[in-house]
PDB file of N, CA and C in Angstrom:
ATOM      1  N   MET A   1       0.966 -22.233  -4.449  1.00  0.00           N
ATOM      2  CA  MET A   1      -0.764 -23.065  -5.107  1.00  0.00           C
ATOM      3  C   MET A   1      -1.732 -22.145  -5.670  1.00  0.00           C
ATOM      4  N   THR A   2      -2.712 -22.813  -5.972  1.00  0.00           N
ATOM      5  CA  THR A   2      -3.577 -21.685  -6.641  1.00  0.00           C
ATOM      6  C   THR A   2      -4.922 -22.282  -5.895  1.00  0.00           C
ATOM      7  N   ASP A   3      -5.369 -21.220  -5.703  1.00  0.00           N
ATOM      8  CA  ASP A   3      -7.354 -20.961  -5.450  1.00  0.00           C
ATOM      9  C   ASP A   3      -8.138 -21.450  -5.983  1.00  0.00           C
ATOM     10  N   TYR A   4      -8.487 -23.061  -6.154  1.00  0.00           N
ATOM     11  CA  TYR A   4      -9.593 -23.353  -6.976  1.00  0.00           C
ATOM     12  C   TYR A   4     -10.753 -22.309  -7.186  1.00  0.00           C
ATOM     13  N   TRP A   5     -11.138 -21.609  -6.288  1.00  0.00           N
ATOM     14  CA  TRP A   5     -12.456 -20.991  -6.041  1.00  0.00           C
ATOM     15  C   TRP A   5     -12.223 -19.320  -6.567  1.00  0.00           C
ATOM     16  N   LEU A   6     -10.705 -19.161  -6.476  1.00  0.00           N
ATOM     17  CA  LEU A   6     -10.598 -17.799  -6.497  1.00  0.00           C
ATOM     18  C   LEU A   6     -10.073 -17.690  -8.198  1.00  0.00           C
ATOM     19  N   ASN A   7      -9.665 -18.621  -8.709  1.00  0.00           N
ATOM     20  CA  ASN A   7      -9.418 -18.761 -10.298  1.00  0.00           C
ATOM     21  C   ASN A   7     -10.643 -19.118 -11.016  1.00  0.00           C
ATOM     22  N   LYS A   8     -11.790 -19.560 -10.215  1.00  0.00           N
ATOM     23  CA  LYS A   8     -13.358 -19.747 -11.002  1.00  0.00           C
ATOM     24  C   LYS A   8     -14.015 -18.744 -10.815  1.00  0.00           C
ATOM     25  N   LEU A   9     -13.993 -17.734  -9.484  1.00  0.00           N
ATOM     26  CA  LEU A   9     -13.880 -16.668 -10.021  1.00  0.00           C
ATOM     27  C   LEU A   9     -13.528 -15.341 -11.283  1.00  0.00           C
ATOM     28  N   ILE A  10     -12.626 -15.544 -11.212  1.00  0.00           N
ATOM     29  CA  ILE A  10     -12.020 -14.743 -12.313  1.00  0.00           C
ATOM     30  C   ILE A  10     -11.900 -15.000 -13.482  1.00  0.00           C
ATOM     31  N   PHE A  11     -11.828 -16.847 -13.799  1.00  0.00           N
ATOM     32  CA  PHE A  11     -11.812 -17.230 -14.980  1.00  0.00           C
ATOM     33  C   PHE A  11     -13.590 -16.624 -15.357  1.00  0.00           C
ATOM     34  N   GLU A  12     -14.389 -16.839 -14.653  1.00  0.00           N
ATOM     35  CA  GLU A  12     -15.842 -16.484 -14.777  1.00  0.00           C
ATOM     36  C   GLU A  12     -16.256 -15.142 -15.088  1.00  0.00           C
ATOM     37  N   LEU A  13     -15.482 -13.768 -14.477  1.00  0.00           N
ATOM     38  CA  LEU A  13     -15.493 -12.926 -14.918  1.00  0.00           C
ATOM     39  C   LEU A  13     -15.174 -12.259 -16.299  1.00  0.00           C
ATOM     40  N   GLN A  14     -14.745 -13.485 -17.551  1.00  0.00           N
ATOM     41  CA  GLN A  14     -14.377 -13.369 -18.482  1.00  0.00           C
ATOM     42  C   GLN A  14     -15.547 -13.482 -19.925  1.00  0.00           C
ATOM     43  N   GLY A  15     -16.582 -13.388 -18.832  1.00  0.00           N
ATOM     44  CA  GLY A  15     -17.904 -13.484 -19.555  1.00  0.00           C
ATOM     45  C   GLY A  15     -18.550 -11.976 -20.147  1.00  0.00           C
ATOM     46  N   PRO A  16     -19.586 -11.968 -20.823  1.00  0.00           N
ATOM     47  CA  PRO A  16     -20.062 -10.789 -21.569  1.00  0.00           C
ATOM     48  C   PRO A  16     -20.191  -9.563 -20.532  1.00  0.00           C
ATOM     49  N   ASP A  17     -21.009 -10.018 -19.336  1.00  0.00           N
ATOM     50  CA  ASP A  17     -21.095  -8.919 -18.378  1.00  0.00           C
ATOM     51  C   ASP A  17     -19.987  -8.805 -17.247  1.00  0.00           C
ATOM     52  N   GLY A  18     -18.738  -9.594 -17.230  1.00  0.00           N
ATOM     53  CA  GLY A  18     -17.927  -9.616 -16.448  1.00  0.00           C
ATOM     54  C   GLY A  18     -17.559  -8.330 -15.286  1.00  0.00           C
ATOM     55  N   LYS A  19     -17.244  -7.494 -16.487  1.00  0.00           N
ATOM     56  CA  LYS A  19     -16.669  -6.226 -16.300  1.00  0.00           C
ATOM     57  C   LYS A  19     -17.853  -5.399 -15.043  1.00  0.00           C
ATOM     58  N   ASP A  20     -18.797  -5.441 -15.596  1.00  0.00           N
ATOM     59  CA  ASP A  20     -20.396  -4.641 -15.230  1.00  0.00           C
ATOM     60  C   ASP A  20     -20.430  -5.190 -13.719  1.00  0.00           C
ATOM     61  N   GLN A  21     -20.380  -6.464 -13.958  1.00  0.00           N
ATOM     62  CA  GLN A  21     -20.678  -7.244 -12.323  1.00  0.00           C
ATOM     63  C   GLN A  21     -19.714  -7.004 -11.276  1.00  0.00           C
ATOM     64  N   TRP A  22     -18.173  -7.070 -11.808  1.00  0.00           N
ATOM     65  CA  TRP A  22     -17.138  -6.777 -10.867  1.00  0.00           C
ATOM     66  C   TRP A  22     -17.225  -5.083 -10.475  1.00  0.00           C
ATOM     67  N   THR A  23     -17.788  -4.455 -11.257  1.00  0.00           N
ATOM     68  CA  THR A  23     -17.692  -3.316 -11.065  1.00  0.00           C
ATOM     69  C   THR A  23     -19.119  -2.343 -10.283  1.00  0.00           C
ATOM     70  N   ASN A  24     -20.407  -3.112 -10.499  1.00  0.00           N
ATOM     71  CA  ASN A  24     -21.185  -2.653  -9.880  1.00  0.00           C
ATOM     72  C   ASN A  24     -21.829  -3.885  -8.921  1.00  0.00           C
ATOM     73  N   HIS A  25     -21.265  -5.010  -9.032  1.00  0.00           N
ATOM     74  CA  HIS A  25     -21.840  -5.946  -8.086  1.00  0.00           C
ATOM     75  C   HIS A  25     -20.729  -6.922  -7.180  1.00  0.00           C
ATOM     76  N   ARG A  26     -19.864  -6.094  -7.175  1.00  0.00           N
ATOM     77  CA  ARG A  26     -18.406  -6.883  -6.489  1.00  0.00           C
ATOM     78  C   ARG A  26     -18.851  -7.723  -5.266  1.00  0.00           C
ATOM     79  N   PRO A  27     -19.342  -7.531  -4.014  1.00  0.00           N
ATOM     80  CA  PRO A  27     -19.754  -8.097  -3.236  1.00  0.00           C
ATOM     81  C   PRO A  27     -20.947  -9.321  -3.368  1.00  0.00           C
ATOM     82  N   GLU A  28     -22.025  -9.010  -4.425  1.00  0.00           N
ATOM     83  CA  GLU A  28     -22.545 -10.391  -4.764  1.00  0.00           C
ATOM     84  C   GLU A  28     -21.474 -11.064  -5.153  1.00  0.00           C
ATOM     85  N   VAL A  29     -20.443 -10.614  -6.417  1.00  0.00           N
ATOM     86  CA  VAL A  29     -20.037 -11.766  -6.959  1.00  0.00           C
ATOM     87  C   VAL A  29     -19.281 -12.412  -6.235  1.00  0.00           C
ATOM     88  N   ILE A  30     -18.514 -11.517  -5.249  1.00  0.00           N
ATOM     89  CA  ILE A  30     -18.181 -12.417  -4.090  1.00  0.00           C
ATOM     90  C   ILE A  30     -18.316 -13.743  -3.608  1.00  0.00           C
ATOM     91  N   ALA A  31     -19.812 -13.292  -3.197  1.00  0.00           N
ATOM     92  CA  ALA A  31     -20.682 -13.776  -2.268  1.00  0.00           C
ATOM     93  C   ALA A  31     -20.855 -15.537  -2.557  1.00  0.00           C
ATOM     94  N   LYS A  32     -20.465 -15.793  -4.245  1.00  0.00           N
ATOM     95  CA  LYS A  32     -21.067 -16.905  -4.753  1.00  0.00           C
ATOM     96  C   LYS A  32     -20.145 -18.083  -4.477  1.00  0.00           C
ATOM     97  N   TYR A  33     -18.842 -17.561  -4.433  1.00  0.00           N
ATOM     98  CA  TYR A  33     -18.081 -18.660  -3.901  1.00  0.00           C
ATOM     99  C   TYR A  33     -17.164 -18.712  -2.799  1.00  0.00           C
ATOM    100  N   GLU A  34     -16.588 -20.030  -2.565  1.00  0.00           N
ATOM    101  CA  GLU A  34     -16.140 -20.485  -1.674  1.00  0.00           C
ATOM    102  C   GLU A  34     -14.961 -19.914  -1.214  1.00  0.00           C
ATOM    103  N   LEU A  35     -14.690 -18.472  -0.531  1.00  0.00           N
ATOM    104  CA  LEU A  35     -13.339 -18.015  -0.333  1.00  0.00           C
ATOM    105  C   LEU A  35     -13.198 -17.763   1.351  1.00  0.00           C
ATOM    106  N   SER A  36     -12.260 -17.871   1.147  1.00  0.00           N
ATOM    107  CA  SER A  36     -11.395 -17.125   2.811  1.00  0.00           C
ATOM    108  C   SER A  36     -11.883 -15.774   3.165  1.00  0.00           C
ATOM    109  N   PRO A  37     -12.058 -15.262   4.616  1.00  0.00           N
ATOM    110  CA  PRO A  37     -12.192 -14.330   4.354  1.00  0.00           C
ATOM    111  C   PRO A  37     -11.247 -13.243   4.167  1.00  0.00           C
ATOM    112  N   ARG A  38      -9.863 -13.658   4.184  1.00  0.00           N
ATOM    113  CA  ARG A  38      -8.537 -13.162   3.955  1.00  0.00           C
ATOM    114  C   ARG A  38      -8.716 -12.726   2.236  1.00  0.00           C
ATOM    115  N   ILE A  39      -9.121 -13.816   1.931  1.00  0.00           N
ATOM    116  CA  ILE A  39      -9.111 -13.472  -0.119  1.00  0.00           C
ATOM    117  C   ILE A  39     -10.550 -12.571  -0.495  1.00  0.00           C
ATOM    118  N   ARG A  40     -11.171 -12.504   0.389  1.00  0.00           N
ATOM    119  CA  ARG A  40     -12.708 -11.852   0.118  1.00  0.00           C
ATOM    120  C   ARG A  40     -12.238 -10.386   0.167  1.00  0.00           C
ATOM    121  N   THR A  41     -11.644 -10.108   1.669  1.00  0.00           N
ATOM    122  CA  THR A  41     -10.801  -8.848   1.980  1.00  0.00           C
ATOM    123  C   THR A  41     -10.018  -8.586   0.871  1.00  0.00           C
ATOM    124  N   ALA A  42      -9.166  -8.956   0.140  1.00  0.00           N
ATOM    125  CA  ALA A  42      -8.103  -8.757  -0.460  1.00  0.00           C
ATOM    126  C   ALA A  42      -8.693  -8.342  -1.986  1.00  0.00           C
ATOM    127  N   LEU A  43      -9.616  -9.427  -2.007  1.00  0.00           N
ATOM    128  CA  LEU A  43     -10.842  -8.964  -3.635  1.00  0.00           C
ATOM    129  C   LEU A  43     -11.111  -7.534  -3.153  1.00  0.00           C
ATOM    130  N   MET A  44     -11.995  -7.513  -2.189  1.00  0.00           N
ATOM    131  CA  MET A  44     -12.495  -5.946  -1.972  1.00  0.00           C
ATOM    132  C   MET A  44     -11.794  -4.994  -1.960  1.00  0.00           C
ATOM    133  N   GLU A  45     -10.415  -5.031  -1.611  1.00  0.00           N
ATOM    134  CA  GLU A  45      -9.551  -3.937  -1.621  1.00  0.00           C
ATOM    135  C   GLU A  45      -8.393  -3.928  -3.255  1.00  0.00           C
ATOM    136  N   ASP A  46      -8.684  -4.645  -3.836  1.00  0.00           N
ATOM    137  CA  ASP A  46      -7.651  -5.180  -5.387  1.00  0.00           C
ATOM    138  C   ASP A  46      -6.367  -5.310  -4.570  1.00  0.00           C
ATOM    139  N   ASP A  47      -6.464  -6.104  -3.553  1.00  0.00           N
ATOM    140  CA  ASP A  47      -5.004  -6.264  -2.792  1.00  0.00           C
ATOM    141  C   ASP A  47      -4.325  -7.228  -3.616  1.00  0.00           C
ATOM    142  N   ILE A  48      -3.446  -6.970  -4.683  1.00  0.00           N
ATOM    143  CA  ILE A  48      -2.725  -7.788  -6.136  1.00  0.00           C
ATOM    144  C   ILE A  48      -1.930  -8.807  -4.926  1.00  0.00           C
ATOM    145  N   GLY A  49      -1.362  -7.906  -4.405  1.00  0.00           N
ATOM    146  CA  GLY A  49      -0.156  -9.060  -3.650  1.00  0.00           C
ATOM    147  C   GLY A  49      -0.827 -10.373  -2.986  1.00  0.00           C
ATOM    148  N   THR A  50      -1.679 -10.074  -2.446  1.00  0.00           N
ATOM    149  CA  THR A  50      -2.335 -11.126  -1.758  1.00  0.00           C
ATOM    150  C   THR A  50      -3.034 -12.365  -2.794  1.00  0.00           C
ATOM    151  N   LEU A  51      -3.356 -11.859  -3.821  1.00  0.00           N
ATOM    152  CA  LEU A  51      -4.077 -12.651  -5.033  1.00  0.00           C
ATOM    153  C   LEU A  51      -2.805 -13.153  -5.565  1.00  0.00           C
ATOM    154  N   LEU A  52      -1.980 -12.829  -5.826  1.00  0.00           N
ATOM    155  CA  LEU A  52      -0.815 -13.042  -7.202  1.00  0.00           C
ATOM    156  C   LEU A  52      -0.302 -14.672  -7.118  1.00  0.00           C
ATOM    157  N   PRO A  53      -0.167 -14.824  -5.656  1.00  0.00           N
ATOM    158  CA  PRO A  53       0.425 -16.049  -5.661  1.00  0.00           C
ATOM    159  C   PRO A  53      -0.719 -17.282  -5.620  1.00  0.00           C
ATOM    160  N   LEU A  54      -1.986 -17.246  -5.705  1.00  0.00           N
ATOM    161  CA  LEU A  54      -2.869 -17.861  -5.771  1.00  0.00           C
ATOM    162  C   LEU A  54      -3.641 -18.172  -7.169  1.00  0.00           C
ATOM    163  N   VAL A  55      -3.558 -16.919  -8.085  1.00  0.00           N
ATOM    164  CA  VAL A  55      -4.036 -16.915  -9.515  1.00  0.00           C
ATOM    165  C   VAL A  55      -3.338 -17.241 -10.323  1.00  0.00           C
ATOM    166  N   ASN A  56      -3.894 -18.007 -11.510  1.00  0.00           N
ATOM    167  CA  ASN A  56      -3.270 -18.576 -12.595  1.00  0.00           C
ATOM    168  C   ASN A  56      -2.490 -17.189 -13.057  1.00  0.00           C
ATOM    169  N   PRO A  57      -1.752 -17.109 -13.798  1.00  0.00           N
ATOM    170  CA  PRO A  57      -0.651 -15.678 -14.557  1.00  0.00           C
ATOM    171  C   PRO A  57      -2.125 -15.780 -15.437  1.00  0.00           C
ATOM    172  N   TYR A  58      -2.185 -16.159 -16.325  1.00  0.00           N
ATOM    173  CA  TYR A  58      -3.230 -15.967 -17.177  1.00  0.00           C
ATOM    174  C   TYR A  58      -4.479 -15.258 -16.530  1.00  0.00           C
ATOM    175  N   LEU A  59      -4.721 -15.556 -15.549  1.00  0.00           N
ATOM    176  CA  LEU A  59      -6.287 -14.827 -15.260  1.00  0.00           C
ATOM    177  C   LEU A  59      -5.576 -14.075 -14.834  1.00  0.00           C
ATOM    178  N   MET A  60      -4.742 -13.533 -13.761  1.00  0.00           N
ATOM    179  CA  MET A  60      -4.059 -12.301 -13.403  1.00  0.00           C
ATOM    180  C   MET A  60      -3.826 -11.578 -14.436  1.00  0.00           C
ATOM    181  N   ARG A  61      -3.511 -11.552 -15.815  1.00  0.00           N
ATOM    182  CA  ARG A  61      -3.733 -10.932 -16.556  1.00  0.00           C
ATOM    183  C   ARG A  61      -4.409 -10.311 -16.622  1.00  0.00           C
ATOM    184  N   PHE A  62      -5.538 -10.978 -17.506  1.00  0.00           N
ATOM    185  CA  PHE A  62      -6.919 -10.952 -17.485  1.00  0.00           C
ATOM    186  C   PHE A  62      -7.728  -9.935 -16.399  1.00  0.00           C
ATOM    187  N   PHE A  63      -7.507 -10.186 -15.032  1.00  0.00           N
ATOM    188  CA  PHE A  63      -7.998  -9.765 -13.727  1.00  0.00           C
ATOM    189  C   PHE A  63      -7.330  -8.160 -13.538  1.00  0.00           C
ATOM    190  N   LEU A  64      -5.839  -8.431 -14.186  1.00  0.00           N
ATOM    191  CA  LEU A  64      -5.617  -6.558 -13.882  1.00  0.00           C
ATOM    192  C   LEU A  64      -6.282  -5.717 -15.137  1.00  0.00           C
ATOM    193  N   LEU A  65      -6.385  -6.402 -16.178  1.00  0.00           N
ATOM    194  CA  LEU A  65      -6.715  -5.687 -17.778  1.00  0.00           C
ATOM    195  C   LEU A  65      -8.354  -5.188 -16.944  1.00  0.00           C
ATOM    196  N   MET A  66      -8.942  -6.089 -16.417  1.00  0.00           N
ATOM    197  CA  MET A  66     -10.441  -5.905 -16.263  1.00  0.00           C
ATOM    198  C   MET A  66     -10.224  -4.724 -15.520  1.00  0.00           C
ATOM    199  N   LEU A  67      -9.203  -4.627 -14.217  1.00  0.00           N
ATOM    200  CA  LEU A  67      -9.427  -3.447 -13.075  1.00  0.00           C
ATOM    201  C   LEU A  67      -9.209  -2.221 -14.006  1.00  0.00           C
ATOM    202  N   GLY A  68      -8.383  -2.090 -15.233  1.00  0.00           N
ATOM    203  CA  GLY A  68      -8.590  -0.757 -15.846  1.00  0.00           C
ATOM    204  C   GLY A  68      -6.919  -0.828 -15.860  1.00  0.00           C
ATOM    205  N   HIS A  69      -6.097  -1.484 -15.606  1.00  0.00           N
ATOM    206  CA  HIS A  69      -4.500  -1.622 -16.098  1.00  0.00           C
ATOM    207  C   HIS A  69      -4.662  -2.013 -17.813  1.00  0.00           C
ATOM    208  N   ASP A  70      -3.942  -1.228 -18.489  1.00  0.00           N
ATOM    209  CA  ASP A  70      -3.209  -1.644 -19.761  1.00  0.00           C
ATOM    210  C   ASP A  70      -2.533  -2.594 -19.442  1.00  0.00           C
ATOM    211  N   ASP A  71      -2.141  -2.972 -20.820  1.00  0.00           N
ATOM    212  CA  ASP A  71      -0.525  -3.898 -20.640  1.00  0.00           C
ATOM    213  C   ASP A  71       0.373  -3.162 -19.909  1.00  0.00           C
ATOM    214  N   ASP A  72       1.070  -2.188 -19.890  1.00  0.00           N
ATOM    215  CA  ASP A  72       2.400  -1.469 -19.550  1.00  0.00           C
ATOM    216  C   ASP A  72       1.897  -1.110 -17.690  1.00  0.00           C
ATOM    217  N   GLN A  73       0.966  -1.088 -17.783  1.00  0.00           N
ATOM    218  CA  GLN A  73       0.934  -0.785 -16.491  1.00  0.00           C
ATOM    219  C   GLN A  73       0.023  -2.394 -15.595  1.00  0.00           C
ATOM    220  N   SER A  74       0.248  -3.430 -16.411  1.00  0.00           N
ATOM    221  CA  SER A  74      -0.400  -4.675 -15.829  1.00  0.00           C
ATOM    222  C   SER A  74       1.094  -5.290 -15.417  1.00  0.00           C
ATOM    223  N   ILE A  75       1.676  -4.885 -16.394  1.00  0.00           N
ATOM    224  CA  ILE A  75       3.071  -5.476 -16.227  1.00  0.00           C
ATOM    225  C   ILE A  75       4.346  -4.808 -15.077  1.00  0.00           C
ATOM    226  N   ALA A  76       3.925  -3.386 -14.781  1.00  0.00           N
ATOM    227  CA  ALA A  76       4.886  -2.766 -13.872  1.00  0.00           C
ATOM    228  C   ALA A  76       4.003  -3.425 -12.413  1.00  0.00           C
ATOM    229  N   VAL A  77       2.676  -3.303 -12.490  1.00  0.00           N
ATOM    230  CA  VAL A  77       2.019  -3.961 -11.465  1.00  0.00           C
ATOM    231  C   VAL A  77       2.895  -5.292 -10.957  1.00  0.00           C
ATOM    232  N   LEU A  78       2.655  -6.035 -11.822  1.00  0.00           N
ATOM    233  CA  LEU A  78       3.345  -7.602 -11.123  1.00  0.00           C
ATOM    234  C   LEU A  78       4.784  -7.770 -11.160  1.00  0.00           C
ATOM    235  N   THR A  79       5.795  -6.331 -12.168  1.00  0.00           N
ATOM    236  CA  THR A  79       6.945  -6.503 -11.427  1.00  0.00           C
ATOM    237  C   THR A  79       7.505  -5.948  -9.940  1.00  0.00           C
ATOM    238  N   GLU A  80       6.565  -5.362  -9.556  1.00  0.00           N
ATOM    239  CA  GLU A  80       6.179  -5.150  -7.862  1.00  0.00           C
ATOM    240  C   GLU A  80       6.852  -6.017  -7.368  1.00  0.00           C
ATOM    241  N   PHE A  81       6.177  -7.175  -7.587  1.00  0.00           N
ATOM    242  CA  PHE A  81       6.238  -8.299  -6.683  1.00  0.00           C
ATOM    243  C   PHE A  81       7.352  -9.309  -6.959  1.00  0.00           C
ATOM    244  N   GLN A  82       7.700  -9.113  -7.894  1.00  0.00           N
ATOM    245  CA  GLN A  82       8.652 -10.173  -8.263  1.00  0.00           C
ATOM    246  C   GLN A  82      10.300 -10.083  -7.268  1.00  0.00           C
ATOM    247  N   THR A  83      10.366 -11.060  -6.841  1.00  0.00           N
ATOM    248  CA  THR A  83      11.770 -10.779  -6.318  1.00  0.00           C
ATOM    249  C   THR A  83      13.213 -10.683  -7.212  1.00  0.00           C
ATOM    250  N   ASP A  84      13.815 -10.591  -6.479  1.00  0.00           N
ATOM    251  CA  ASP A  84      15.071 -10.688  -7.731  1.00  0.00           C
ATOM    252  C   ASP A  84      15.730 -11.906  -8.228  1.00  0.00           C
ATOM    253  N   LYS A  85      15.122 -13.163  -7.437  1.00  0.00           N
ATOM    254  CA  LYS A  85      15.430 -14.471  -7.887  1.00  0.00           C
ATOM    255  C   LYS A  85      14.368 -14.939  -9.154  1.00  0.00           C
ATOM    256  N   ASP A  86      12.929 -13.963  -9.077  1.00  0.00           N
ATOM    257  CA  ASP A  86      11.902 -14.342 -10.246  1.00  0.00           C
ATOM    258  C   ASP A  86      12.720 -13.491 -10.780  1.00  0.00           C
ATOM    259  N   LYS A  87      13.181 -12.105 -10.940  1.00  0.00           N
ATOM    260  CA  LYS A  87      13.867 -11.450 -11.968  1.00  0.00           C
ATOM    261  C   LYS A  87      14.738 -12.535 -12.603  1.00  0.00           C
ATOM    262  N   GLU A  88      15.705 -12.584 -12.083  1.00  0.00           N
ATOM    263  CA  GLU A  88      16.784 -13.328 -12.629  1.00  0.00           C
ATOM    264  C   GLU A  88      16.700 -14.426 -13.332  1.00  0.00           C
ATOM    265  N   ARG A  89      15.019 -15.247 -13.155  1.00  0.00           N
ATOM    266  CA  ARG A  89      14.929 -16.723 -13.655  1.00  0.00           C
ATOM    267  C   ARG A  89      13.984 -16.114 -14.927  1.00  0.00           C
ATOM    268  N   VAL A  90      13.532 -15.276 -14.917  1.00  0.00           N
ATOM    269  CA  VAL A  90      12.520 -14.416 -16.095  1.00  0.00           C
ATOM    270  C   VAL A  90      13.750 -14.111 -17.093  1.00  0.00           C
ATOM    271  N   ASN A  91      14.130 -13.176 -16.818  1.00  0.00           N
ATOM    272  CA  ASN A  91      15.380 -12.320 -17.417  1.00  0.00           C
ATOM    273  C   ASN A  91      16.329 -12.708 -17.448  1.00  0.00           C
ATOM    274  N   GLY A  92      17.090 -13.898 -16.939  1.00  0.00           N
ATOM    275  CA  GLY A  92      18.225 -14.590 -17.230  1.00  0.00           C
ATOM    276  C   GLY A  92      19.492 -13.346 -17.118  1.00  0.00           C
TER     277      GLY A  92
END
């Protein structure tokens, strides 16, 4: 199940100053959204494992790119969290 406010936060970071806002004003950005303490902590710590099940996959890809991961690194990060069942479903 996704988290509306978390997805909204990441979606809104796609604006022209999103990367700057996230890099230089992260606590202030997070404070604008109704997020649980657990999600706030995960955002502050770049805890992808906690965030991943709650974020739309397209937004998660953007988020990883915004954090500085290139495409190959993003794929590697996401692969770390796939179960064997997930890998079988996706890769056949």
